[in-house]
Amino acid sequence: MSLIKRTWTPHEADEWTKEDWIAIIISPFSYVLIGIGLAMSLFLLPLGFLLLGIGIVITVIMFYVIDPKLKAISEGYEKKQREYLKELDKIQRWEEK
């Protein structure tokens, strides 16, 4: 069993799990490091390039952790929307006849 779950059903993905907490904890670090690193990089400071690189790596890790859950939830909503549009189309056709 891996540390990070990569396959989700829409119902499972809608629940709070450790993956959500991991994303919550590391996301502020990624944004701050990218912001500070970019600002310092514009002044050509070596530390800025290092911070920017670390921020980018943390951002990639964050997307690796949370993206499968977001895709599963999105697929679930798309399925519900297709069903709703089919039902709406049936109702609309009945009113036209």
C-alpha atoms as a PDB file:
ATOM      1  CA  MET A   1       0.000   0.000   0.000  1.00  0.00           C
ATOM      2  CA  SER A   2       1.392   3.364  -0.969  1.00  0.00           C
ATOM      3  CA  LEU A   3       1.551   6.451   1.188  1.00  0.00           C
ATOM      4  CA  ILE A   4      -0.621   8.471  -1.216  1.00  0.00           C
ATOM      5  CA  LYS A   5      -3.829   6.987  -2.627  1.00  0.00           C
ATOM      6  CA  ARG A   6      -4.070   7.579  -6.386  1.00  0.00           C
ATOM      7  CA  THR A   7      -7.417   5.974  -7.342  1.00  0.00           C
ATOM      8  CA  TRP A   8     -10.688   7.369  -6.050  1.00  0.00           C
ATOM      9  CA  THR A   9     -14.390   6.960  -6.594  1.00  0.00           C
ATOM     10  CA  PRO A  10     -16.349  10.217  -6.608  1.00  0.00           C
ATOM     11  CA  HIS A  11     -17.943   9.341  -3.259  1.00  0.00           C
ATOM     12  CA  GLU A  12     -14.594   8.492  -1.624  1.00  0.00           C
ATOM     13  CA  ALA A  13     -12.982  11.647  -3.014  1.00  0.00           C
ATOM     14  CA  ASP A  14     -15.689  13.811  -1.466  1.00  0.00           C
ATOM     15  CA  GLU A  15     -14.581  12.797   2.048  1.00  0.00           C
ATOM     16  CA  TRP A  16     -11.730  14.463   3.947  1.00  0.00           C
ATOM     17  CA  THR A  17      -8.614  12.283   3.996  1.00  0.00           C
ATOM     18  CA  LYS A  18      -4.931  12.593   4.779  1.00  0.00           C
ATOM     19  CA  GLU A  19      -4.306  13.680   1.162  1.00  0.00           C
ATOM     20  CA  ASP A  20      -6.423  16.774   1.757  1.00  0.00           C
ATOM     21  CA  TRP A  21      -4.478  17.603   4.903  1.00  0.00           C
ATOM     22  CA  ILE A  22      -1.179  17.118   3.100  1.00  0.00           C
ATOM     23  CA  ALA A  23      -2.308  19.551   0.395  1.00  0.00           C
ATOM     24  CA  ILE A  24      -3.560  22.026   3.021  1.00  0.00           C
ATOM     25  CA  ILE A  25      -0.244  21.974   4.854  1.00  0.00           C
ATOM     26  CA  ILE A  26       2.128  22.219   1.879  1.00  0.00           C
ATOM     27  CA  SER A  27       0.154  24.632  -0.313  1.00  0.00           C
ATOM     28  CA  PRO A  28       0.985  27.791   1.699  1.00  0.00           C
ATOM     29  CA  PHE A  29       4.660  26.841   1.648  1.00  0.00           C
ATOM     30  CA  SER A  30       4.605  26.426  -2.116  1.00  0.00           C
ATOM     31  CA  TYR A  31       2.925  29.791  -2.703  1.00  0.00           C
ATOM     32  CA  VAL A  32       5.198  31.655  -0.298  1.00  0.00           C
ATOM     33  CA  LEU A  33       8.376  30.037  -1.633  1.00  0.00           C
ATOM     34  CA  ILE A  34       7.394  30.731  -5.235  1.00  0.00           C
ATOM     35  CA  GLY A  35       6.556  34.353  -4.414  1.00  0.00           C
ATOM     36  CA  ILE A  36       9.698  35.068  -2.434  1.00  0.00           C
ATOM     37  CA  GLY A  37      11.863  33.012  -4.791  1.00  0.00           C
ATOM     38  CA  LEU A  38      10.537  34.840  -7.838  1.00  0.00           C
ATOM     39  CA  ALA A  39      11.078  38.239  -6.238  1.00  0.00           C
ATOM     40  CA  MET A  40      14.614  37.367  -5.200  1.00  0.00           C
ATOM     41  CA  SER A  41      15.322  35.774  -8.596  1.00  0.00           C
ATOM     42  CA  LEU A  42      14.400  39.033 -10.308  1.00  0.00           C
ATOM     43  CA  PHE A  43      17.279  40.585  -8.358  1.00  0.00           C
ATOM     44  CA  LEU A  44      19.486  37.677  -9.518  1.00  0.00           C
ATOM     45  CA  LEU A  45      20.117  36.453  -5.995  1.00  0.00           C
ATOM     46  CA  PRO A  46      21.193  32.784  -5.867  1.00  0.00           C
ATOM     47  CA  LEU A  47      19.006  32.129  -2.825  1.00  0.00           C
ATOM     48  CA  GLY A  48      16.011  33.291  -4.864  1.00  0.00           C
ATOM     49  CA  PHE A  49      16.632  30.671  -7.529  1.00  0.00           C
ATOM     50  CA  LEU A  50      16.938  28.013  -4.824  1.00  0.00           C
ATOM     51  CA  LEU A  51      13.700  29.079  -3.126  1.00  0.00           C
ATOM     52  CA  LEU A  52      11.917  29.246  -6.469  1.00  0.00           C
ATOM     53  CA  GLY A  53      13.087  25.731  -7.318  1.00  0.00           C
ATOM     54  CA  ILE A  54      11.986  24.377  -3.934  1.00  0.00           C
ATOM     55  CA  GLY A  55       8.619  26.114  -4.344  1.00  0.00           C
ATOM     56  CA  ILE A  56       8.124  24.545  -7.765  1.00  0.00           C
ATOM     57  CA  VAL A  57       9.010  21.078  -6.436  1.00  0.00           C
ATOM     58  CA  ILE A  58       6.573  21.468  -3.530  1.00  0.00           C
ATOM     59  CA  THR A  59       3.868  22.621  -5.959  1.00  0.00           C
ATOM     60  CA  VAL A  60       4.411  19.553  -8.156  1.00  0.00           C
ATOM     61  CA  ILE A  61       4.157  17.328  -5.071  1.00  0.00           C
ATOM     62  CA  MET A  62       0.948  19.090  -4.036  1.00  0.00           C
ATOM     63  CA  PHE A  63      -0.623  18.494  -7.449  1.00  0.00           C
ATOM     64  CA  TYR A  64       0.540  14.870  -7.393  1.00  0.00           C
ATOM     65  CA  VAL A  65      -1.253  14.381  -4.073  1.00  0.00           C
ATOM     66  CA  ILE A  66      -4.534  16.220  -4.680  1.00  0.00           C
ATOM     67  CA  ASP A  67      -5.116  15.976  -8.457  1.00  0.00           C
ATOM     68  CA  PRO A  68      -6.527  12.400  -8.479  1.00  0.00           C
ATOM     69  CA  LYS A  69      -9.176  13.415  -5.935  1.00  0.00           C
ATOM     70  CA  LEU A  70     -10.104  16.508  -7.929  1.00  0.00           C
ATOM     71  CA  LYS A  71     -10.407  14.483 -11.147  1.00  0.00           C
ATOM     72  CA  ALA A  72     -12.629  11.895  -9.450  1.00  0.00           C
ATOM     73  CA  ILE A  73     -14.938  14.577  -8.041  1.00  0.00           C
ATOM     74  CA  SER A  74     -15.058  16.323 -11.409  1.00  0.00           C
ATOM     75  CA  GLU A  75     -15.969  13.098 -13.201  1.00  0.00           C
ATOM     76  CA  GLY A  76     -18.753  12.508 -10.692  1.00  0.00           C
ATOM     77  CA  TYR A  77     -20.218  15.966 -11.280  1.00  0.00           C
ATOM     78  CA  GLU A  78     -19.919  15.571 -15.050  1.00  0.00           C
ATOM     79  CA  LYS A  79     -21.849  12.294 -14.847  1.00  0.00           C
ATOM     80  CA  LYS A  80     -24.576  13.946 -12.738  1.00  0.00           C
ATOM     81  CA  GLN A  81     -24.740  16.830 -15.208  1.00  0.00           C
ATOM     82  CA  ARG A  82     -25.153  14.472 -18.184  1.00  0.00           C
ATOM     83  CA  GLU A  83     -27.964  12.639 -16.383  1.00  0.00           C
ATOM     84  CA  TYR A  84     -29.618  15.935 -15.468  1.00  0.00           C
ATOM     85  CA  LEU A  85     -29.428  17.179 -19.074  1.00  0.00           C
ATOM     86  CA  LYS A  86     -30.932  13.926 -20.375  1.00  0.00           C
ATOM     87  CA  GLU A  87     -33.796  14.219 -17.885  1.00  0.00           C
ATOM     88  CA  LEU A  88     -34.284  17.862 -18.795  1.00  0.00           C
ATOM     89  CA  ASP A  89     -34.358  16.945 -22.483  1.00  0.00           C
ATOM     90  CA  LYS A  90     -37.050  14.307 -21.802  1.00  0.00           C
ATOM     91  CA  ILE A  91     -39.157  16.855 -19.921  1.00  0.00           C
ATOM     92  CA  GLN A  92     -38.706  19.421 -22.663  1.00  0.00           C
ATOM     93  CA  ARG A  93     -39.760  16.985 -25.407  1.00  0.00           C
ATOM     94  CA  TRP A  94     -42.885  16.030 -23.457  1.00  0.00           C
ATOM     95  CA  GLU A  95     -43.888  19.704 -23.218  1.00  0.00           C
ATOM     96  CA  GLU A  96     -43.380  20.224 -26.940  1.00  0.00           C
ATOM     97  CA  LYS A  97     -45.715  17.354 -27.948  1.00  0.00           C
END
